[in-house]
Amino acid sequence: MSTHPALPRRLWANSAVRYLAVGGFCFLVDIGLLWLAHDVLGIPLAIATPVAFLASFAVTYTAQRLIAFSSEAKVAPSVARYTALVAFNTIATTGMVWGAAALGWPWIVGKVLAVVTTTVWNYFAYRYWVFATPEPRSTDV
């Protein structure tokens, strides 16, 4: 059975595939920073979680904008929308990681739960809100 050479290109043409690939890379950056901050440096989980999450802000925004969505939306409004979404996600992520730890589960269980949950709603928020290219205005009178 031979691999069809067009298949990887067809898959990569799908924004959801690019979003998941970029998101996977950014997840590794985020979780690596959380591990470093909490497990290595001993920073409390309630502080380390949002610090690691926010530290990946620029990497995630840039990669999703350029690679996943090839957005032509204006930068300033998309950064403002992205920032609002990140604020919401930071609260949600911190709550899920803290909640898992409070239940006696390893913190990584809460982190994975947070990533799965935010991955779903972020795709739609990125596609239709954060990186959406505004519709051209009608010149009809």
Protein backbone atom coordinates (compact mmCIF):
# COMPACT_ATOMS: atom_id res chain seq x y z
CA MET A 1 0.00 0.00 0.00
CA SER A 2 1.55 3.29 -1.06
CA THR A 3 1.00 6.65 0.54
CA HIS A 4 -0.77 9.11 -1.70
CA PRO A 5 1.54 12.15 -1.94
CA ALA A 6 -1.37 14.62 -1.95
CA LEU A 7 -2.82 13.35 1.34
CA PRO A 8 -0.48 15.30 3.67
CA ARG A 9 -1.12 18.47 1.66
CA ARG A 10 -4.88 17.92 1.75
CA LEU A 11 -4.79 17.33 5.50
CA TRP A 12 -2.59 20.40 6.11
CA ALA A 13 -5.02 22.50 4.05
CA ASN A 14 -7.63 21.96 6.78
CA SER A 15 -7.52 24.69 9.45
CA ALA A 16 -8.58 22.21 12.14
CA VAL A 17 -5.55 19.98 11.41
CA ARG A 18 -3.18 22.96 11.50
CA TYR A 19 -4.88 24.23 14.67
CA LEU A 20 -4.36 20.87 16.41
CA ALA A 21 -0.72 20.58 15.26
CA VAL A 22 0.13 24.12 16.40
CA GLY A 23 -1.86 23.60 19.59
CA GLY A 24 0.03 20.38 20.34
CA PHE A 25 3.34 22.20 20.07
CA CYS A 26 2.08 25.06 22.25
CA PHE A 27 0.75 22.56 24.81
CA LEU A 28 4.25 21.09 25.13
CA VAL A 29 5.67 24.57 25.69
CA ASP A 30 2.99 25.38 28.28
CA ILE A 31 3.19 22.09 30.18
CA GLY A 32 6.99 22.20 30.10
CA LEU A 33 6.94 25.65 31.68
CA LEU A 34 4.42 24.47 34.30
CA TRP A 35 6.58 21.46 35.15
CA LEU A 36 9.66 23.67 35.41
CA ALA A 37 7.93 26.28 37.57
CA HIS A 38 6.09 23.88 39.90
CA ASP A 39 8.05 20.64 40.04
CA VAL A 40 11.58 22.01 39.61
CA LEU A 41 11.41 25.53 41.08
CA GLY A 42 8.78 24.73 43.72
CA ILE A 43 6.40 27.57 42.82
CA PRO A 44 2.90 26.87 44.22
CA LEU A 45 0.52 25.37 41.65
CA ALA A 46 -2.00 28.23 41.92
CA ILE A 47 0.76 30.63 40.80
CA ALA A 48 2.73 28.36 38.46
CA THR A 49 -0.32 27.39 36.39
CA PRO A 50 -1.34 30.87 35.21
CA VAL A 51 2.30 32.00 34.91
CA ALA A 52 3.13 29.12 32.56
CA PHE A 53 -0.13 29.58 30.67
CA LEU A 54 0.44 33.30 30.17
CA ALA A 55 4.12 32.84 29.28
CA SER A 56 3.08 30.94 26.16
CA PHE A 57 0.82 33.84 25.08
CA ALA A 58 3.02 35.28 22.30
CA VAL A 59 4.07 31.89 20.94
CA THR A 60 0.51 30.61 20.74
CA TYR A 61 -0.99 33.80 19.28
CA THR A 62 1.66 34.09 16.59
CA ALA A 63 1.63 30.42 15.59
CA GLN A 64 -2.16 30.18 15.47
CA ARG A 65 -2.47 33.45 13.53
CA LEU A 66 0.21 32.66 10.95
CA ILE A 67 0.16 28.88 10.64
CA ALA A 68 -3.25 27.57 11.67
CA PHE A 69 -5.52 30.31 10.36
CA SER A 70 -3.34 32.30 7.93
CA SER A 71 -5.23 35.31 9.21
CA GLU A 72 -5.32 38.61 7.41
CA ALA A 73 -7.33 40.27 10.18
CA LYS A 74 -5.90 43.47 11.62
CA VAL A 75 -3.40 42.69 14.38
CA ALA A 76 -4.56 45.08 17.12
CA PRO A 77 -8.24 43.96 17.20
CA SER A 78 -7.27 40.29 16.98
CA VAL A 79 -4.75 40.72 19.83
CA ALA A 80 -7.47 42.38 21.92
CA ARG A 81 -9.92 39.52 21.24
CA TYR A 82 -7.18 36.95 21.85
CA THR A 83 -6.30 38.66 25.14
CA ALA A 84 -9.94 38.49 26.29
CA LEU A 85 -10.06 34.79 25.40
CA VAL A 86 -6.75 34.16 27.19
CA ALA A 87 -8.09 35.87 30.32
CA PHE A 88 -11.13 33.60 30.28
CA ASN A 89 -8.99 30.53 29.54
CA THR A 90 -6.54 31.41 32.33
CA ILE A 91 -9.32 31.44 34.90
CA ALA A 92 -10.83 28.23 33.53
CA THR A 93 -7.44 26.45 33.34
CA THR A 94 -6.40 27.51 36.82
CA GLY A 95 -9.72 26.33 38.22
CA MET A 96 -9.48 22.93 36.53
CA VAL A 97 -5.85 22.32 37.57
CA TRP A 98 -6.50 23.50 41.13
CA GLY A 99 -9.75 21.50 41.28
CA ALA A 100 -8.03 18.30 40.20
CA ALA A 101 -5.30 18.82 42.81
CA ALA A 102 -7.94 19.57 45.48
CA LEU A 103 -9.58 16.22 44.65
CA GLY A 104 -6.23 14.52 45.27
CA TRP A 105 -5.51 13.89 41.60
CA PRO A 106 -2.13 14.72 40.03
CA TRP A 107 -2.10 18.30 38.72
CA ILE A 108 -1.43 17.03 35.21
CA VAL A 109 -4.92 15.44 35.14
CA GLY A 110 -6.45 18.88 35.61
CA LYS A 111 -4.11 20.35 33.02
CA VAL A 112 -5.06 17.74 30.42
CA LEU A 113 -8.76 18.26 31.20
CA ALA A 114 -8.30 22.02 30.77
CA VAL A 115 -6.46 21.57 27.47
CA VAL A 116 -9.12 19.25 26.03
CA THR A 117 -11.92 21.59 27.09
CA THR A 118 -10.31 24.82 25.91
CA THR A 119 -9.13 23.20 22.67
CA VAL A 120 -12.71 22.64 21.57
CA TRP A 121 -14.06 26.10 22.34
CA ASN A 122 -10.87 27.89 21.24
CA TYR A 123 -11.01 26.46 17.71
CA PHE A 124 -14.38 28.06 17.13
CA ALA A 125 -13.42 31.26 18.95
CA TYR A 126 -10.23 31.58 16.88
CA ARG A 127 -11.88 30.78 13.59
CA TYR A 128 -15.02 32.87 13.93
CA TRP A 129 -13.97 35.63 16.32
CA VAL A 130 -10.25 36.14 17.08
CA PHE A 131 -8.79 35.66 13.59
CA ALA A 132 -11.90 36.22 11.48
CA THR A 133 -11.36 38.53 8.56
CA PRO A 134 -14.06 41.19 8.60
CA GLU A 135 -16.58 41.08 5.80
CA PRO A 136 -16.09 43.88 3.28
CA ARG A 137 -18.56 46.70 3.74
CA SER A 138 -21.23 47.07 1.14
CA THR A 139 -21.00 50.26 -0.90
CA ASP A 140 -24.66 50.05 -1.89
CA VAL A 141 -26.69 53.10 -0.96
